[in-house]
Amino acid sequence: HELELLLCGSHEVNTADWQNNTLYKAGYTTESQIIQWFWDLVNKMKNEERLTLLQFVTGTGALPPRGFAHLQGSDGERRFSIVRVCDLERLPQSHTCFNELILPEYGTREAFETKLTLALSHLDDGMLLR
């Protein structure tokens, strides 16, 4: 099991580790309402759904053996980041090379959950959605 973990990474998402190793950019903080909604939703998700979200943002559905602090980007270790944008009509997007979730600051929890769920449902389409 240890060799498999070393070679393939973990498939069990530790949400506390994820949250503790997330950066917030462009005006978001841990106190931002949408960030609180994001973590509420992540904590309610099944592990499979968390892996889908992870794949959406990072391009991989597995974690490195040492957790989110050691997540890899295109240029080495790069933490998961949530980046604020003002265009409320767009769906959440990602920059997989940089492990960035581009998340508009939606005004309601319902709008946030609907838009994120819609974006995740198109993961396999390979399309850029707005």
Foldseek 3Di string as FASTA:
>chain_A
DVVCCQVPNALADDLVLLVVQEAEDDPDDCPQPVVVLVSVVLVVDDSVVVLLVQCQAAVGSHARSVGQQQRAALVGRAHAYEYEDAPLVWAWHYDNNRNYIDAYSDPDSVSRVVRPVVSSVCSVVPDHTD
